[in-house]
Amino acid sequence: MTEDTAIQHLKDLLRTTAFNVEFEIDQDTHRVITKVVDKDTGDVIRQLPSEEVMRIANALQKAQGLFVHQEA
């Protein structure tokens, strides 16, 4: 099965569910964020990585940037 075929198969399966799967790139960490969203309400049911993990990753990245800047 090719990647395009697999993606189309996944889209077909999701049409029959009560939720959507969304993908986005975090602007700060450039990590892929996957969200499961309720089709009717638009509420995020689940996010991977979680918001808490993304906040920690952003804080660590900023702290690392400060350390590198101070050493230079």
PDB file of N, CA and C in Angstrom:
ATOM      1  N   MET A   1       0.851  -1.174   0.000  1.00  0.00           N
ATOM      2  CA  MET A   1       0.000   0.000   0.000  1.00  0.00           C
ATOM      3  C   MET A   1       0.897   1.237   0.000  1.00  0.00           C
ATOM      4  N   THR A   2       0.652   2.149  -0.939  1.00  0.00           N
ATOM      5  CA  THR A   2       1.450   3.372  -0.996  1.00  0.00           C
ATOM      6  C   THR A   2       1.004   4.338   0.091  1.00  0.00           C
ATOM      7  N   GLU A   3       1.823   5.352   0.322  1.00  0.00           N
ATOM      8  CA  GLU A   3       1.487   6.351   1.342  1.00  0.00           C
ATOM      9  C   GLU A   3       0.195   7.084   0.990  1.00  0.00           C
ATOM     10  N   ASP A   4       0.035   7.442  -0.285  1.00  0.00           N
ATOM     11  CA  ASP A   4      -1.192   8.128  -0.709  1.00  0.00           C
ATOM     12  C   ASP A   4      -2.422   7.252  -0.520  1.00  0.00           C
ATOM     13  N   THR A   5      -2.296   5.972  -0.813  1.00  0.00           N
ATOM     14  CA  THR A   5      -3.404   5.045  -0.632  1.00  0.00           C
ATOM     15  C   THR A   5      -3.742   4.902   0.848  1.00  0.00           C
ATOM     16  N   ALA A   6      -2.724   4.813   1.688  1.00  0.00           N
ATOM     17  CA  ALA A   6      -2.948   4.686   3.131  1.00  0.00           C
ATOM     18  C   ALA A   6      -3.633   5.927   3.681  1.00  0.00           C
ATOM     19  N   ILE A   7      -3.217   7.107   3.236  1.00  0.00           N
ATOM     20  CA  ILE A   7      -3.844   8.352   3.694  1.00  0.00           C
ATOM     21  C   ILE A   7      -5.304   8.399   3.251  1.00  0.00           C
ATOM     22  N   GLN A   8      -5.575   8.018   2.015  1.00  0.00           N
ATOM     23  CA  GLN A   8      -6.948   8.021   1.526  1.00  0.00           C
ATOM     24  C   GLN A   8      -7.804   7.025   2.306  1.00  0.00           C
ATOM     25  N   HIS A   9      -7.244   5.870   2.610  1.00  0.00           N
ATOM     26  CA  HIS A   9      -7.961   4.864   3.393  1.00  0.00           C
ATOM     27  C   HIS A   9      -8.294   5.410   4.782  1.00  0.00           C
ATOM     28  N   LEU A  10      -7.341   6.090   5.398  1.00  0.00           N
ATOM     29  CA  LEU A  10      -7.578   6.694   6.706  1.00  0.00           C
ATOM     30  C   LEU A  10      -8.666   7.768   6.627  1.00  0.00           C
ATOM     31  N   LYS A  11      -8.637   8.591   5.603  1.00  0.00           N
ATOM     32  CA  LYS A  11      -9.671   9.617   5.426  1.00  0.00           C
ATOM     33  C   LYS A  11     -11.051   8.979   5.272  1.00  0.00           C
ATOM     34  N   ASP A  12     -11.129   7.901   4.503  1.00  0.00           N
ATOM     35  CA  ASP A  12     -12.404   7.205   4.313  1.00  0.00           C
ATOM     36  C   ASP A  12     -12.938   6.651   5.638  1.00  0.00           C
ATOM     37  N   LEU A  13     -12.045   6.082   6.454  1.00  0.00           N
ATOM     38  CA  LEU A  13     -12.457   5.561   7.754  1.00  0.00           C
ATOM     39  C   LEU A  13     -12.951   6.670   8.678  1.00  0.00           C
ATOM     40  N   LEU A  14     -12.288   7.807   8.647  1.00  0.00           N
ATOM     41  CA  LEU A  14     -12.648   8.906   9.543  1.00  0.00           C
ATOM     42  C   LEU A  14     -13.987   9.555   9.174  1.00  0.00           C
ATOM     43  N   ARG A  15     -14.413   9.406   7.940  1.00  0.00           N
ATOM     44  CA  ARG A  15     -15.712   9.975   7.532  1.00  0.00           C
ATOM     45  C   ARG A  15     -16.868   9.360   8.322  1.00  0.00           C
ATOM     46  N   THR A  16     -16.698   8.147   8.792  1.00  0.00           N
ATOM     47  CA  THR A  16     -17.779   7.451   9.490  1.00  0.00           C
ATOM     48  C   THR A  16     -17.698   7.609  11.009  1.00  0.00           C
ATOM     49  N   THR A  17     -16.732   8.366  11.499  1.00  0.00           N
ATOM     50  CA  THR A  17     -16.571   8.544  12.941  1.00  0.00           C
ATOM     51  C   THR A  17     -17.106   9.901  13.376  1.00  0.00           C
ATOM     52  N   ALA A  18     -17.192  10.090  14.691  1.00  0.00           N
ATOM     53  CA  ALA A  18     -17.687  11.346  15.251  1.00  0.00           C
ATOM     54  C   ALA A  18     -16.553  12.329  15.513  1.00  0.00           C
ATOM     55  N   PHE A  19     -15.355  12.015  15.007  1.00  0.00           N
ATOM     56  CA  PHE A  19     -14.231  12.913  15.260  1.00  0.00           C
ATOM     57  C   PHE A  19     -13.360  13.063  14.015  1.00  0.00           C
ATOM     58  N   ASN A  20     -12.566  14.113  14.017  1.00  0.00           N
ATOM     59  CA  ASN A  20     -11.574  14.362  12.979  1.00  0.00           C
ATOM     60  C   ASN A  20     -10.195  14.237  13.598  1.00  0.00           C
ATOM     61  N   VAL A  21      -9.216  13.955  12.781  1.00  0.00           N
ATOM     62  CA  VAL A  21      -7.824  13.978  13.213  1.00  0.00           C
ATOM     63  C   VAL A  21      -7.151  15.118  12.461  1.00  0.00           C
ATOM     64  N   GLU A  22      -6.527  16.014  13.226  1.00  0.00           N
ATOM     65  CA  GLU A  22      -5.861  17.174  12.636  1.00  0.00           C
ATOM     66  C   GLU A  22      -4.380  17.130  12.974  1.00  0.00           C
ATOM     67  N   PHE A  23      -3.574  17.621  12.050  1.00  0.00           N
ATOM     68  CA  PHE A  23      -2.130  17.681  12.247  1.00  0.00           C
ATOM     69  C   PHE A  23      -1.683  19.119  12.051  1.00  0.00           C
ATOM     70  N   GLU A  24      -0.757  19.554  12.902  1.00  0.00           N
ATOM     71  CA  GLU A  24      -0.184  20.883  12.738  1.00  0.00           C
ATOM     72  C   GLU A  24       1.258  20.859  13.215  1.00  0.00           C
ATOM     73  N   ILE A  25       2.007  21.875  12.822  1.00  0.00           N
ATOM     74  CA  ILE A  25       3.399  22.011  13.231  1.00  0.00           C
ATOM     75  C   ILE A  25       3.479  23.140  14.252  1.00  0.00           C
ATOM     76  N   ASP A  26       4.054  22.842  15.430  1.00  0.00           N
ATOM     77  CA  ASP A  26       4.248  23.868  16.448  1.00  0.00           C
ATOM     78  C   ASP A  26       5.305  24.854  15.947  1.00  0.00           C
ATOM     79  N   GLN A  27       4.991  26.140  15.994  1.00  0.00           N
ATOM     80  CA  GLN A  27       5.877  27.169  15.463  1.00  0.00           C
ATOM     81  C   GLN A  27       7.184  27.291  16.238  1.00  0.00           C
ATOM     82  N   ASP A  28       7.142  27.016  17.539  1.00  0.00           N
ATOM     83  CA  ASP A  28       8.342  27.179  18.364  1.00  0.00           C
ATOM     84  C   ASP A  28       9.273  25.974  18.294  1.00  0.00           C
ATOM     85  N   THR A  29       8.708  24.779  18.409  1.00  0.00           N
ATOM     86  CA  THR A  29       9.542  23.567  18.473  1.00  0.00           C
ATOM     87  C   THR A  29       9.633  22.833  17.138  1.00  0.00           C
ATOM     88  N   HIS A  30       8.762  23.183  16.202  1.00  0.00           N
ATOM     89  CA  HIS A  30       8.698  22.535  14.888  1.00  0.00           C
ATOM     90  C   HIS A  30       8.341  21.052  15.003  1.00  0.00           C
ATOM     91  N   ARG A  31       7.615  20.700  16.068  1.00  0.00           N
ATOM     92  CA  ARG A  31       7.158  19.318  16.265  1.00  0.00           C
ATOM     93  C   ARG A  31       5.752  19.177  15.693  1.00  0.00           C
ATOM     94  N   VAL A  32       5.439  17.973  15.249  1.00  0.00           N
ATOM     95  CA  VAL A  32       4.096  17.683  14.745  1.00  0.00           C
ATOM     96  C   VAL A  32       3.172  17.478  15.940  1.00  0.00           C
ATOM     97  N   ILE A  33       2.028  18.156  15.907  1.00  0.00           N
ATOM     98  CA  ILE A  33       1.004  18.006  16.934  1.00  0.00           C
ATOM     99  C   ILE A  33      -0.194  17.334  16.268  1.00  0.00           C
ATOM    100  N   THR A  34      -0.675  16.273  16.882  1.00  0.00           N
ATOM    101  CA  THR A  34      -1.834  15.539  16.379  1.00  0.00           C
ATOM    102  C   THR A  34      -2.986  15.770  17.336  1.00  0.00           C
ATOM    103  N   LYS A  35      -4.135  16.183  16.797  1.00  0.00           N
ATOM    104  CA  LYS A  35      -5.315  16.439  17.622  1.00  0.00           C
ATOM    105  C   LYS A  35      -6.483  15.595  17.132  1.00  0.00           C
ATOM    106  N   VAL A  36      -7.209  15.023  18.081  1.00  0.00           N
ATOM    107  CA  VAL A  36      -8.469  14.345  17.796  1.00  0.00           C
ATOM    108  C   VAL A  36      -9.555  15.330  18.213  1.00  0.00           C
ATOM    109  N   VAL A  37     -10.395  15.729  17.252  1.00  0.00           N
ATOM    110  CA  VAL A  37     -11.360  16.803  17.464  1.00  0.00           C
ATOM    111  C   VAL A  37     -12.778  16.295  17.211  1.00  0.00           C
ATOM    112  N   ASP A  38     -13.689  16.638  18.117  1.00  0.00           N
ATOM    113  CA  ASP A  38     -15.106  16.298  17.968  1.00  0.00           C
ATOM    114  C   ASP A  38     -15.663  17.036  16.747  1.00  0.00           C
ATOM    115  N   LYS A  39     -16.269  16.311  15.821  1.00  0.00           N
ATOM    116  CA  LYS A  39     -16.795  16.924  14.600  1.00  0.00           C
ATOM    117  C   LYS A  39     -17.905  17.927  14.883  1.00  0.00           C
ATOM    118  N   ASP A  40     -18.752  17.645  15.864  1.00  0.00           N
ATOM    119  CA  ASP A  40     -19.903  18.498  16.133  1.00  0.00           C
ATOM    120  C   ASP A  40     -19.547  19.765  16.897  1.00  0.00           C
ATOM    121  N   THR A  41     -18.713  19.635  17.923  1.00  0.00           N
ATOM    122  CA  THR A  41     -18.428  20.770  18.798  1.00  0.00           C
ATOM    123  C   THR A  41     -17.122  21.479  18.484  1.00  0.00           C
ATOM    124  N   GLY A  42     -16.204  20.783  17.819  1.00  0.00           N
ATOM    125  CA  GLY A  42     -14.897  21.354  17.563  1.00  0.00           C
ATOM    126  C   GLY A  42     -13.955  21.254  18.760  1.00  0.00           C
ATOM    127  N   ASP A  43     -14.421  20.607  19.843  1.00  0.00           N
ATOM    128  CA  ASP A  43     -13.590  20.449  21.039  1.00  0.00           C
ATOM    129  C   ASP A  43     -12.474  19.444  20.784  1.00  0.00           C
ATOM    130  N   VAL A  44     -11.292  19.737  21.336  1.00  0.00           N
ATOM    131  CA  VAL A  44     -10.166  18.813  21.242  1.00  0.00           C
ATOM    132  C   VAL A  44     -10.391  17.702  22.268  1.00  0.00           C
ATOM    133  N   ILE A  45     -10.486  16.481  21.797  1.00  0.00           N
ATOM    134  CA  ILE A  45     -10.681  15.320  22.659  1.00  0.00           C
ATOM    135  C   ILE A  45      -9.343  14.867  23.220  1.00  0.00           C
ATOM    136  N   ARG A  46      -8.331  14.877  22.362  1.00  0.00           N
ATOM    137  CA  ARG A  46      -6.996  14.423  22.770  1.00  0.00           C
ATOM    138  C   ARG A  46      -5.964  15.107  21.883  1.00  0.00           C
ATOM    139  N   GLN A  47      -4.834  15.439  22.481  1.00  0.00           N
ATOM    140  CA  GLN A  47      -3.745  16.043  21.731  1.00  0.00           C
ATOM    141  C   GLN A  47      -2.455  15.311  22.071  1.00  0.00           C
ATOM    142  N   LEU A  48      -1.661  15.021  21.036  1.00  0.00           N
ATOM    143  CA  LEU A  48      -0.367  14.372  21.217  1.00  0.00           C
ATOM    144  C   LEU A  48       0.712  15.167  20.491  1.00  0.00           C
ATOM    145  N   PRO A  49       1.787  15.561  21.107  1.00  0.00           N
ATOM    146  CA  PRO A  49       1.984  15.548  22.545  1.00  0.00           C
ATOM    147  C   PRO A  49       1.009  16.512  23.217  1.00  0.00           C
ATOM    148  N   SER A  50       0.795  16.301  24.503  1.00  0.00           N
ATOM    149  CA  SER A  50      -0.175  17.103  25.236  1.00  0.00           C
ATOM    150  C   SER A  50       0.286  18.556  25.330  1.00  0.00           C
ATOM    151  N   GLU A  51      -0.650  19.442  25.675  1.00  0.00           N
ATOM    152  CA  GLU A  51      -0.308  20.859  25.838  1.00  0.00           C
ATOM    153  C   GLU A  51       0.761  21.039  26.908  1.00  0.00           C
ATOM    154  N   GLU A  52       0.684  20.250  27.972  1.00  0.00           N
ATOM    155  CA  GLU A  52       1.666  20.357  29.050  1.00  0.00           C
ATOM    156  C   GLU A  52       3.059  20.008  28.541  1.00  0.00           C
ATOM    157  N   VAL A  53       3.164  18.947  27.764  1.00  0.00           N
ATOM    158  CA  VAL A  53       4.458  18.546  27.216  1.00  0.00           C
ATOM    159  C   VAL A  53       4.981  19.624  26.271  1.00  0.00           C
ATOM    160  N   MET A  54       4.102  20.228  25.484  1.00  0.00           N
ATOM    161  CA  MET A  54       4.527  21.281  24.568  1.00  0.00           C
ATOM    162  C   MET A  54       5.008  22.513  25.339  1.00  0.00           C
ATOM    163  N   ARG A  55       4.348  22.856  26.437  1.00  0.00           N
ATOM    164  CA  ARG A  55       4.807  23.993  27.258  1.00  0.00           C
ATOM    165  C   ARG A  55       6.190  23.719  27.831  1.00  0.00           C
ATOM    166  N   ILE A  56       6.409  22.502  28.309  1.00  0.00           N
ATOM    167  CA  ILE A  56       7.720  22.132  28.854  1.00  0.00           C
ATOM    168  C   ILE A  56       8.781  22.186  27.753  1.00  0.00           C
ATOM    169  N   ALA A  57       8.467  21.646  26.590  1.00  0.00           N
ATOM    170  CA  ALA A  57       9.416  21.651  25.471  1.00  0.00           C
ATOM    171  C   ALA A  57       9.762  23.075  25.061  1.00  0.00           C
ATOM    172  N   ASN A  58       8.755  23.960  25.021  1.00  0.00           N
ATOM    173  CA  ASN A  58       9.001  25.357  24.667  1.00  0.00           C
ATOM    174  C   ASN A  58       9.882  26.028  25.712  1.00  0.00           C
ATOM    175  N   ALA A  59       9.614  25.777  26.989  1.00  0.00           N
ATOM    176  CA  ALA A  59      10.409  26.378  28.064  1.00  0.00           C
ATOM    177  C   ALA A  59      11.853  25.884  28.004  1.00  0.00           C
ATOM    178  N   LEU A  60      12.046  24.593  27.771  1.00  0.00           N
ATOM    179  CA  LEU A  60      13.399  24.040  27.669  1.00  0.00           C
ATOM    180  C   LEU A  60      14.149  24.617  26.473  1.00  0.00           C
ATOM    181  N   GLN A  61      13.447  24.782  25.379  1.00  0.00           N
ATOM    182  CA  GLN A  61      14.083  25.333  24.182  1.00  0.00           C
ATOM    183  C   GLN A  61      14.513  26.774  24.429  1.00  0.00           C
ATOM    184  N   LYS A  62      13.655  27.558  25.100  1.00  0.00           N
ATOM    185  CA  LYS A  62      14.010  28.948  25.413  1.00  0.00           C
ATOM    186  C   LYS A  62      15.173  29.003  26.392  1.00  0.00           C
ATOM    187  N   ALA A  63      15.162  28.130  27.395  1.00  0.00           N
ATOM    188  CA  ALA A  63      16.250  28.098  28.368  1.00  0.00           C
ATOM    189  C   ALA A  63      17.559  27.698  27.691  1.00  0.00           C
ATOM    190  N   GLN A  64      17.502  26.753  26.780  1.00  0.00           N
ATOM    191  CA  GLN A  64      18.693  26.335  26.058  1.00  0.00           C
ATOM    192  C   GLN A  64      19.226  27.500  25.218  1.00  0.00           C
ATOM    193  N   GLY A  65      18.321  28.250  24.608  1.00  0.00           N
ATOM    194  CA  GLY A  65      18.719  29.419  23.825  1.00  0.00           C
ATOM    195  C   GLY A  65      19.400  30.473  24.665  1.00  0.00           C
ATOM    196  N   LEU A  66      18.919  30.682  25.886  1.00  0.00           N
ATOM    197  CA  LEU A  66      19.547  31.651  26.784  1.00  0.00           C
ATOM    198  C   LEU A  66      20.942  31.191  27.185  1.00  0.00           C
ATOM    199  N   PHE A  67      21.090  29.905  27.459  1.00  0.00           N
ATOM    200  CA  PHE A  67      22.386  29.356  27.851  1.00  0.00           C
ATOM    201  C   PHE A  67      23.405  29.519  26.729  1.00  0.00           C
ATOM    202  N   VAL A  68      23.018  29.192  25.527  1.00  0.00           N
ATOM    203  CA  VAL A  68      23.918  29.313  24.375  1.00  0.00           C
ATOM    204  C   VAL A  68      24.276  30.766  24.163  1.00  0.00           C
ATOM    205  N   HIS A  69      23.318  31.659  24.296  1.00  0.00           N
ATOM    206  CA  HIS A  69      23.557  33.084  24.096  1.00  0.00           C
ATOM    207  C   HIS A  69      24.542  33.620  25.141  1.00  0.00           C
ATOM    208  N   GLN A  70      24.409  33.187  26.400  1.00  0.00           N
ATOM    209  CA  GLN A  70      25.289  33.651  27.460  1.00  0.00           C
ATOM    210  C   GLN A  70      26.715  33.130  27.279  1.00  0.00           C
ATOM    211  N   GLU A  71      26.868  31.934  26.700  1.00  0.00           N
ATOM    212  CA  GLU A  71      28.194  31.347  26.513  1.00  0.00           C
ATOM    213  C   GLU A  71      28.920  31.975  25.342  1.00  0.00           C
ATOM    214  N   ALA A  72      28.198  32.507  24.370  1.00  0.00           N
ATOM    215  CA  ALA A  72      28.815  33.026  23.144  1.00  0.00           C
ATOM    216  C   ALA A  72      29.495  34.345  23.338  1.00  0.00           C
TER     217      ALA A  72
END
